[in-house]
PDB file of N, CA and C in Angstrom:
ATOM      1  N   MET A   1     135.864 112.862  -7.140  1.00  0.00           N
ATOM      2  CA  MET A   1     135.201 114.116  -7.674  1.00  0.00           C
ATOM      3  C   MET A   1     135.598 114.542  -9.007  1.00  0.00           C
ATOM      4  N   ALA A   2     134.574 114.892  -9.798  1.00  0.00           N
ATOM      5  CA  ALA A   2     134.875 115.550 -10.881  1.00  0.00           C
ATOM      6  C   ALA A   2     135.272 116.868 -10.824  1.00  0.00           C
ATOM      7  N   ARG A   3     136.233 117.365 -11.475  1.00  0.00           N
ATOM      8  CA  ARG A   3     136.861 118.747 -11.625  1.00  0.00           C
ATOM      9  C   ARG A   3     136.236 119.329 -12.934  1.00  0.00           C
ATOM     10  N   LYS A   4     135.704 120.701 -12.603  1.00  0.00           N
ATOM     11  CA  LYS A   4     135.373 121.142 -14.020  1.00  0.00           C
ATOM     12  C   LYS A   4     136.377 121.953 -14.791  1.00  0.00           C
ATOM     13  N   THR A   5     135.930 121.921 -16.334  1.00  0.00           N
ATOM     14  CA  THR A   5     136.678 122.165 -17.136  1.00  0.00           C
ATOM     15  C   THR A   5     136.903 123.331 -17.120  1.00  0.00           C
ATOM     16  N   PRO A   6     137.705 123.987 -17.817  1.00  0.00           N
ATOM     17  CA  PRO A   6     137.900 125.659 -17.795  1.00  0.00           C
ATOM     18  C   PRO A   6     136.672 126.207 -19.081  1.00  0.00           C
ATOM     19  N   GLU A   7     136.223 125.333 -19.639  1.00  0.00           N
ATOM     20  CA  GLU A   7     134.850 125.709 -20.653  1.00  0.00           C
ATOM     21  C   GLU A   7     133.672 125.991 -19.538  1.00  0.00           C
ATOM     22  N   GLN A   8     133.445 124.768 -18.879  1.00  0.00           N
ATOM     23  CA  GLN A   8     132.489 124.861 -17.540  1.00  0.00           C
ATOM     24  C   GLN A   8     132.445 126.121 -16.554  1.00  0.00           C
ATOM     25  N   LEU A   9     133.646 126.321 -16.047  1.00  0.00           N
ATOM     26  CA  LEU A   9     134.094 127.408 -15.421  1.00  0.00           C
ATOM     27  C   LEU A   9     133.515 128.960 -15.738  1.00  0.00           C
ATOM     28  N   THR A  10     134.045 128.966 -17.402  1.00  0.00           N
ATOM     29  CA  THR A  10     134.084 130.416 -18.193  1.00  0.00           C
ATOM     30  C   THR A  10     132.284 130.320 -18.433  1.00  0.00           C
ATOM     31  N   LYS A  11     131.896 129.013 -18.531  1.00  0.00           N
ATOM     32  CA  LYS A  11     130.207 129.349 -18.865  1.00  0.00           C
ATOM     33  C   LYS A  11     129.355 129.618 -17.398  1.00  0.00           C
ATOM     34  N   GLU A  12     129.723 129.359 -16.392  1.00  0.00           N
ATOM     35  CA  GLU A  12     129.179 129.301 -15.197  1.00  0.00           C
ATOM     36  C   GLU A  12     129.563 130.756 -14.741  1.00  0.00           C
ATOM     37  N   PHE A  13     130.762 131.128 -14.705  1.00  0.00           N
ATOM     38  CA  PHE A  13     131.055 132.907 -14.518  1.00  0.00           C
ATOM     39  C   PHE A  13     130.263 133.516 -15.538  1.00  0.00           C
ATOM     40  N   GLU A  14     130.022 133.614 -16.710  1.00  0.00           N
ATOM     41  CA  GLU A  14     129.268 134.254 -17.470  1.00  0.00           C
ATOM     42  C   GLU A  14     127.755 133.929 -16.966  1.00  0.00           C
ATOM     43  N   GLY A  15     127.163 133.389 -16.951  1.00  0.00           N
ATOM     44  CA  GLY A  15     125.905 132.974 -16.359  1.00  0.00           C
ATOM     45  C   GLY A  15     125.682 133.686 -14.986  1.00  0.00           C
ATOM     46  N   ARG A  16     126.657 133.924 -14.373  1.00  0.00           N
ATOM     47  CA  ARG A  16     126.467 134.595 -13.096  1.00  0.00           C
ATOM     48  C   ARG A  16     126.588 136.174 -13.147  1.00  0.00           C
ATOM     49  N   LYS A  17     127.736 136.696 -14.365  1.00  0.00           N
ATOM     50  CA  LYS A  17     127.825 137.966 -14.530  1.00  0.00           C
ATOM     51  C   LYS A  17     126.487 138.354 -14.852  1.00  0.00           C
ATOM     52  N   ALA A  18     125.815 137.707 -15.993  1.00  0.00           N
ATOM     53  CA  ALA A  18     124.471 137.707 -16.617  1.00  0.00           C
ATOM     54  C   ALA A  18     123.692 138.275 -15.781  1.00  0.00           C
ATOM     55  N   LYS A  19     123.710 137.744 -14.407  1.00  0.00           N
ATOM     56  CA  LYS A  19     122.628 137.532 -13.783  1.00  0.00           C
ATOM     57  C   LYS A  19     122.862 138.931 -12.511  1.00  0.00           C
ATOM     58  N   GLY A  20     124.389 139.527 -12.818  1.00  0.00           N
ATOM     59  CA  GLY A  20     124.645 140.537 -12.012  1.00  0.00           C
ATOM     60  C   GLY A  20     125.262 140.022 -10.835  1.00  0.00           C
ATOM     61  N   LEU A  21     125.467 138.786 -10.637  1.00  0.00           N
ATOM     62  CA  LEU A  21     126.065 138.491  -9.392  1.00  0.00           C
ATOM     63  C   LEU A  21     127.577 138.043  -9.326  1.00  0.00           C
ATOM     64  N   ALA A  22     128.287 138.474 -10.636  1.00  0.00           N
ATOM     65  CA  ALA A  22     129.907 138.476 -10.490  1.00  0.00           C
ATOM     66  C   ALA A  22     130.483 139.146  -9.567  1.00  0.00           C
ATOM     67  N   LYS A  23     129.909 140.392  -9.532  1.00  0.00           N
ATOM     68  CA  LYS A  23     130.556 141.163  -8.237  1.00  0.00           C
ATOM     69  C   LYS A  23     129.145 141.373  -7.275  1.00  0.00           C
ATOM     70  N   GLY A  24     129.626 142.437  -6.333  1.00  0.00           N
ATOM     71  CA  GLY A  24     128.105 142.737  -5.353  1.00  0.00           C
ATOM     72  C   GLY A  24     127.919 141.787  -4.584  1.00  0.00           C
ATOM     73  N   GLY A  25     126.586 141.310  -4.529  1.00  0.00           N
ATOM     74  CA  GLY A  25     126.045 140.586  -3.590  1.00  0.00           C
ATOM     75  C   GLY A  25     126.714 139.183  -3.213  1.00  0.00           C
ATOM     76  N   ALA A  26     127.235 138.588  -4.477  1.00  0.00           N
ATOM     77  CA  ALA A  26     127.583 136.968  -4.375  1.00  0.00           C
ATOM     78  C   ALA A  26     128.931 137.059  -3.803  1.00  0.00           C
ATOM     79  N   ALA A  27     129.776 138.311  -3.549  1.00  0.00           N
ATOM     80  CA  ALA A  27     131.154 138.717  -2.778  1.00  0.00           C
ATOM     81  C   ALA A  27     130.713 138.283  -1.290  1.00  0.00           C
ATOM     82  N   TYR A  28     129.322 138.625  -0.917  1.00  0.00           N
ATOM     83  CA  TYR A  28     129.301 138.366   0.367  1.00  0.00           C
ATOM     84  C   TYR A  28     128.873 136.909   1.075  1.00  0.00           C
ATOM     85  N   TRP A  29     128.858 135.868   0.006  1.00  0.00           N
ATOM     86  CA  TRP A  29     128.777 134.464   0.548  1.00  0.00           C
ATOM     87  C   TRP A  29     129.620 134.099   1.689  1.00  0.00           C
ATOM     88  N   PRO A  30     131.009 134.355   1.643  1.00  0.00           N
ATOM     89  CA  PRO A  30     131.968 133.828   2.854  1.00  0.00           C
ATOM     90  C   PRO A  30     131.581 134.502   4.134  1.00  0.00           C
ATOM     91  N   ASN A  31     130.980 135.697   4.192  1.00  0.00           N
ATOM     92  CA  ASN A  31     130.575 136.512   5.291  1.00  0.00           C
ATOM     93  C   ASN A  31     129.494 136.141   5.987  1.00  0.00           C
ATOM     94  N   VAL A  32     128.299 135.258   5.270  1.00  0.00           N
ATOM     95  CA  VAL A  32     127.235 134.981   5.338  1.00  0.00           C
ATOM     96  C   VAL A  32     127.494 133.864   5.848  1.00  0.00           C
ATOM     97  N   LEU A  33     128.153 133.014   5.290  1.00  0.00           N
ATOM     98  CA  LEU A  33     128.321 131.707   5.898  1.00  0.00           C
ATOM     99  C   LEU A  33     129.098 131.463   7.401  1.00  0.00           C
ATOM    100  N   SER A  34     130.197 132.579   7.086  1.00  0.00           N
ATOM    101  CA  SER A  34     131.034 132.659   8.408  1.00  0.00           C
ATOM    102  C   SER A  34     130.028 133.049   9.453  1.00  0.00           C
ATOM    103  N   ASN A  35     129.416 134.045   9.282  1.00  0.00           N
ATOM    104  CA  ASN A  35     128.417 134.516  10.135  1.00  0.00           C
ATOM    105  C   ASN A  35     127.272 133.392  11.014  1.00  0.00           C
ATOM    106  N   ALA A  36     126.749 132.550   9.748  1.00  0.00           N
ATOM    107  CA  ALA A  36     125.634 131.629  10.127  1.00  0.00           C
ATOM    108  C   ALA A  36     126.526 130.519  11.052  1.00  0.00           C
ATOM    109  N   VAL A  37     127.684 130.482  10.816  1.00  0.00           N
ATOM    110  CA  VAL A  37     128.621 129.213  11.587  1.00  0.00           C
ATOM    111  C   VAL A  37     128.819 129.845  13.200  1.00  0.00           C
ATOM    112  N   LEU A  38     129.223 131.109  13.037  1.00  0.00           N
ATOM    113  CA  LEU A  38     129.424 131.732  14.288  1.00  0.00           C
ATOM    114  C   LEU A  38     128.246 131.941  15.320  1.00  0.00           C
ATOM    115  N   LYS A  39     127.098 132.420  14.505  1.00  0.00           N
ATOM    116  CA  LYS A  39     125.910 132.428  15.224  1.00  0.00           C
ATOM    117  C   LYS A  39     125.243 130.716  16.232  1.00  0.00           C
ATOM    118  N   LEU A  40     125.613 130.013  15.017  1.00  0.00           N
ATOM    119  CA  LEU A  40     125.049 128.188  15.664  1.00  0.00           C
ATOM    120  C   LEU A  40     125.935 127.648  16.279  1.00  0.00           C
ATOM    121  N   VAL A  41     127.199 127.963  16.283  1.00  0.00           N
ATOM    122  CA  VAL A  41     128.092 127.636  17.425  1.00  0.00           C
ATOM    123  C   VAL A  41     127.936 128.283  18.486  1.00  0.00           C
ATOM    124  N   ALA A  42     127.896 129.737  18.734  1.00  0.00           N
ATOM    125  CA  ALA A  42     127.463 130.681  19.778  1.00  0.00           C
ATOM    126  C   ALA A  42     126.308 129.986  20.763  1.00  0.00           C
ATOM    127  N   SER A  43     125.137 129.618  19.788  1.00  0.00           N
ATOM    128  CA  SER A  43     123.696 129.081  20.505  1.00  0.00           C
ATOM    129  C   SER A  43     123.790 127.760  21.216  1.00  0.00           C
ATOM    130  N   GLY A  44     125.220 127.234  20.963  1.00  0.00           N
ATOM    131  CA  GLY A  44     125.073 126.016  21.275  1.00  0.00           C
ATOM    132  C   GLY A  44     124.190 124.807  20.937  1.00  0.00           C
ATOM    133  N   ALA A  45     123.535 125.265  19.697  1.00  0.00           N
ATOM    134  CA  ALA A  45     122.755 123.926  18.883  1.00  0.00           C
ATOM    135  C   ALA A  45     123.652 122.986  18.302  1.00  0.00           C
ATOM    136  N   GLU A  46     122.942 122.015  17.783  1.00  0.00           N
ATOM    137  CA  GLU A  46     123.798 120.847  17.357  1.00  0.00           C
ATOM    138  C   GLU A  46     124.149 121.639  15.658  1.00  0.00           C
ATOM    139  N   PHE A  47     125.388 121.254  15.630  1.00  0.00           N
ATOM    140  CA  PHE A  47     126.122 121.695  14.420  1.00  0.00           C
ATOM    141  C   PHE A  47     125.884 120.554  13.251  1.00  0.00           C
ATOM    142  N   SER A  48     125.179 120.703  12.334  1.00  0.00           N
ATOM    143  CA  SER A  48     124.965 119.873  10.973  1.00  0.00           C
ATOM    144  C   SER A  48     124.874 120.358   9.591  1.00  0.00           C
ATOM    145  N   VAL A  49     124.880 120.069   8.604  1.00  0.00           N
ATOM    146  CA  VAL A  49     124.757 120.345   7.436  1.00  0.00           C
ATOM    147  C   VAL A  49     123.172 120.920   7.236  1.00  0.00           C
ATOM    148  N   ALA A  50     122.226 120.433   7.861  1.00  0.00           N
ATOM    149  CA  ALA A  50     120.984 120.937   7.616  1.00  0.00           C
ATOM    150  C   ALA A  50     120.528 122.189   8.915  1.00  0.00           C
ATOM    151  N   ALA A  51     121.290 122.017   9.830  1.00  0.00           N
ATOM    152  CA  ALA A  51     120.980 123.342  10.823  1.00  0.00           C
ATOM    153  C   ALA A  51     122.026 124.709  10.119  1.00  0.00           C
ATOM    154  N   LEU A  52     122.841 124.411   9.863  1.00  0.00           N
ATOM    155  CA  LEU A  52     123.608 125.398   9.386  1.00  0.00           C
ATOM    156  C   LEU A  52     122.916 125.880   7.683  1.00  0.00           C
ATOM    157  N   ALA A  53     122.564 124.808   7.018  1.00  0.00           N
ATOM    158  CA  ALA A  53     121.637 125.723   5.854  1.00  0.00           C
ATOM    159  C   ALA A  53     120.546 126.407   6.385  1.00  0.00           C
ATOM    160  N   GLU A  54     119.612 125.951   7.526  1.00  0.00           N
ATOM    161  CA  GLU A  54     118.554 126.588   7.812  1.00  0.00           C
ATOM    162  C   GLU A  54     119.203 127.898   8.662  1.00  0.00           C
ATOM    163  N   ARG A  55     120.126 128.407   8.959  1.00  0.00           N
ATOM    164  CA  ARG A  55     120.973 129.357   9.717  1.00  0.00           C
ATOM    165  C   ARG A  55     121.421 130.255   8.400  1.00  0.00           C
ATOM    166  N   VAL A  56     121.854 129.788   7.657  1.00  0.00           N
ATOM    167  CA  VAL A  56     122.265 130.856   5.894  1.00  0.00           C
ATOM    168  C   VAL A  56     120.809 131.087   5.657  1.00  0.00           C
ATOM    169  N   ALA A  57     119.941 130.541   5.490  1.00  0.00           N
ATOM    170  CA  ALA A  57     118.681 130.586   5.171  1.00  0.00           C
ATOM    171  C   ALA A  57     117.975 131.989   6.025  1.00  0.00           C
ATOM    172  N   GLN A  58     118.187 132.089   7.064  1.00  0.00           N
ATOM    173  CA  GLN A  58     117.733 133.267   8.177  1.00  0.00           C
ATOM    174  C   GLN A  58     118.433 133.884   7.996  1.00  0.00           C
ATOM    175  N   GLU A  59     119.691 134.115   7.527  1.00  0.00           N
ATOM    176  CA  GLU A  59     120.217 135.310   7.228  1.00  0.00           C
ATOM    177  C   GLU A  59     119.883 135.809   6.007  1.00  0.00           C
ATOM    178  N   GLY A  60     119.484 135.150   5.082  1.00  0.00           N
ATOM    179  CA  GLY A  60     119.156 135.727   3.849  1.00  0.00           C
ATOM    180  C   GLY A  60     117.746 136.536   4.009  1.00  0.00           C
ATOM    181  N   GLN A  61     117.239 136.594   5.065  1.00  0.00           N
ATOM    182  CA  GLN A  61     115.988 137.235   4.951  1.00  0.00           C
ATOM    183  C   GLN A  61     116.080 138.344   5.661  1.00  0.00           C
ATOM    184  N   VAL A  62     116.719 139.119   4.942  1.00  0.00           N
ATOM    185  CA  VAL A  62     117.008 140.709   4.974  1.00  0.00           C
ATOM    186  C   VAL A  62     116.454 141.583   3.850  1.00  0.00           C
ATOM    187  N   THR A  63     116.264 142.968   3.676  1.00  0.00           N
ATOM    188  CA  THR A  63     116.117 143.698   2.872  1.00  0.00           C
ATOM    189  C   THR A  63     117.194 144.328   2.241  1.00  0.00           C
ATOM    190  N   ASP A  64     118.135 143.865   2.093  1.00  0.00           N
ATOM    191  CA  ASP A  64     119.854 144.259   1.399  1.00  0.00           C
ATOM    192  C   ASP A  64     119.616 143.232   0.164  1.00  0.00           C
ATOM    193  N   PRO A  65     119.680 144.073  -0.649  1.00  0.00           N
ATOM    194  CA  PRO A  65     119.928 142.961  -2.027  1.00  0.00           C
ATOM    195  C   PRO A  65     121.231 141.881  -2.289  1.00  0.00           C
ATOM    196  N   ALA A  66     122.089 143.000  -1.769  1.00  0.00           N
ATOM    197  CA  ALA A  66     123.676 142.202  -1.794  1.00  0.00           C
ATOM    198  C   ALA A  66     123.729 141.140  -0.479  1.00  0.00           C
ATOM    199  N   VAL A  67     123.404 141.311   0.241  1.00  0.00           N
ATOM    200  CA  VAL A  67     123.448 140.301   1.208  1.00  0.00           C
ATOM    201  C   VAL A  67     122.612 139.073   0.941  1.00  0.00           C
ATOM    202  N   LYS A  68     121.320 139.468   0.452  1.00  0.00           N
ATOM    203  CA  LYS A  68     120.228 137.962   0.096  1.00  0.00           C
ATOM    204  C   LYS A  68     120.760 137.616  -1.011  1.00  0.00           C
ATOM    205  N   ALA A  69     121.597 138.138  -2.130  1.00  0.00           N
ATOM    206  CA  ALA A  69     122.371 137.254  -2.925  1.00  0.00           C
ATOM    207  C   ALA A  69     123.683 136.207  -2.612  1.00  0.00           C
ATOM    208  N   GLY A  70     124.204 137.169  -1.685  1.00  0.00           N
ATOM    209  CA  GLY A  70     125.161 136.294  -0.810  1.00  0.00           C
ATOM    210  C   GLY A  70     124.691 135.087   0.043  1.00  0.00           C
ATOM    211  N   ALA A  71     123.427 135.413   0.747  1.00  0.00           N
ATOM    212  CA  ALA A  71     123.037 134.107   1.099  1.00  0.00           C
ATOM    213  C   ALA A  71     122.720 133.060   0.471  1.00  0.00           C
ATOM    214  N   GLU A  72     122.179 133.323  -0.728  1.00  0.00           N
ATOM    215  CA  GLU A  72     121.718 132.540  -1.665  1.00  0.00           C
ATOM    216  C   GLU A  72     122.709 131.734  -2.354  1.00  0.00           C
ATOM    217  N   GLU A  73     123.749 132.481  -2.523  1.00  0.00           N
ATOM    218  CA  GLU A  73     125.279 132.272  -2.893  1.00  0.00           C
ATOM    219  C   GLU A  73     125.776 131.066  -2.266  1.00  0.00           C
ATOM    220  N   ALA A  74     125.715 131.197  -0.861  1.00  0.00           N
ATOM    221  CA  ALA A  74     126.163 130.532   0.487  1.00  0.00           C
ATOM    222  C   ALA A  74     125.333 129.135   0.354  1.00  0.00           C
ATOM    223  N   LEU A  75     124.150 129.532   0.362  1.00  0.00           N
ATOM    224  CA  LEU A  75     123.602 128.226   0.445  1.00  0.00           C
ATOM    225  C   LEU A  75     123.710 127.151  -0.564  1.00  0.00           C
ATOM    226  N   ALA A  76     123.794 127.909  -1.892  1.00  0.00           N
ATOM    227  CA  ALA A  76     124.162 126.992  -3.136  1.00  0.00           C
ATOM    228  C   ALA A  76     125.312 126.450  -2.901  1.00  0.00           C
ATOM    229  N   ARG A  77     126.503 127.160  -2.599  1.00  0.00           N
ATOM    230  CA  ARG A  77     127.609 126.442  -1.828  1.00  0.00           C
ATOM    231  C   ARG A  77     127.689 125.305  -1.190  1.00  0.00           C
ATOM    232  N   LEU A  78     127.176 125.279  -0.094  1.00  0.00           N
ATOM    233  CA  LEU A  78     126.982 124.486   0.683  1.00  0.00           C
ATOM    234  C   LEU A  78     125.975 123.403   0.227  1.00  0.00           C
ATOM    235  N   LYS A  79     125.016 123.561  -0.247  1.00  0.00           N
ATOM    236  CA  LYS A  79     124.268 122.499  -0.402  1.00  0.00           C
ATOM    237  C   LYS A  79     125.395 121.463  -1.576  1.00  0.00           C
ATOM    238  N   GLN A  80     126.079 122.348  -2.513  1.00  0.00           N
ATOM    239  CA  GLN A  80     126.923 121.421  -3.495  1.00  0.00           C
ATOM    240  C   GLN A  80     127.906 120.719  -2.678  1.00  0.00           C
ATOM    241  N   ALA A  81     128.997 121.549  -1.819  1.00  0.00           N
ATOM    242  CA  ALA A  81     129.596 120.580  -0.782  1.00  0.00           C
ATOM    243  C   ALA A  81     128.972 119.348   0.185  1.00  0.00           C
ATOM    244  N   ALA A  82     127.520 119.870   0.309  1.00  0.00           N
ATOM    245  CA  ALA A  82     127.443 118.364   0.799  1.00  0.00           C
ATOM    246  C   ALA A  82     126.901 117.469  -0.046  1.00  0.00           C
ATOM    247  N   ALA A  83     126.828 117.651  -1.393  1.00  0.00           N
ATOM    248  CA  ALA A  83     126.248 116.876  -2.301  1.00  0.00           C
ATOM    249  C   ALA A  83     127.718 116.098  -2.572  1.00  0.00           C
ATOM    250  N   ARG A  84     128.809 116.602  -2.691  1.00  0.00           N
ATOM    251  CA  ARG A  84     129.997 115.921  -3.069  1.00  0.00           C
ATOM    252  C   ARG A  84     130.446 115.270  -1.771  1.00  0.00           C
ATOM    253  N   ALA A  85     130.204 115.643  -1.076  1.00  0.00           N
ATOM    254  CA  ALA A  85     130.609 114.761   0.678  1.00  0.00           C
ATOM    255  C   ALA A  85     130.093 113.410   0.454  1.00  0.00           C
ATOM    256  N   ALA A  86     128.682 113.629   0.210  1.00  0.00           N
ATOM    257  CA  ALA A  86     127.869 112.532   0.245  1.00  0.00           C
ATOM    258  C   ALA A  86     128.215 111.340  -0.819  1.00  0.00           C
ATOM    259  N   GLU A  87     129.026 111.668  -1.907  1.00  0.00           N
ATOM    260  CA  GLU A  87     129.423 110.851  -3.199  1.00  0.00           C
ATOM    261  C   GLU A  87     130.440 109.828  -2.631  1.00  0.00           C
TER     262      GLU A  87
END
């Protein structure tokens, strides 16, 4: 698994800051992800990456821009983690 260099992390952070996601909405991604996991487990549905991604996408279908940004961030991180696990 390749680690990001400090320069890459700085560039990524600056890009997010420019988009307004360094604070605010992106801070909600752990909450969105945990809510999606809890709802998925409570429903008794099959637990898989695809099911979790679908649930996170459903969580993001709200009018609150902060929660929507958090859901987008959670979905991006979930896809990134799944891609790393597949390597």
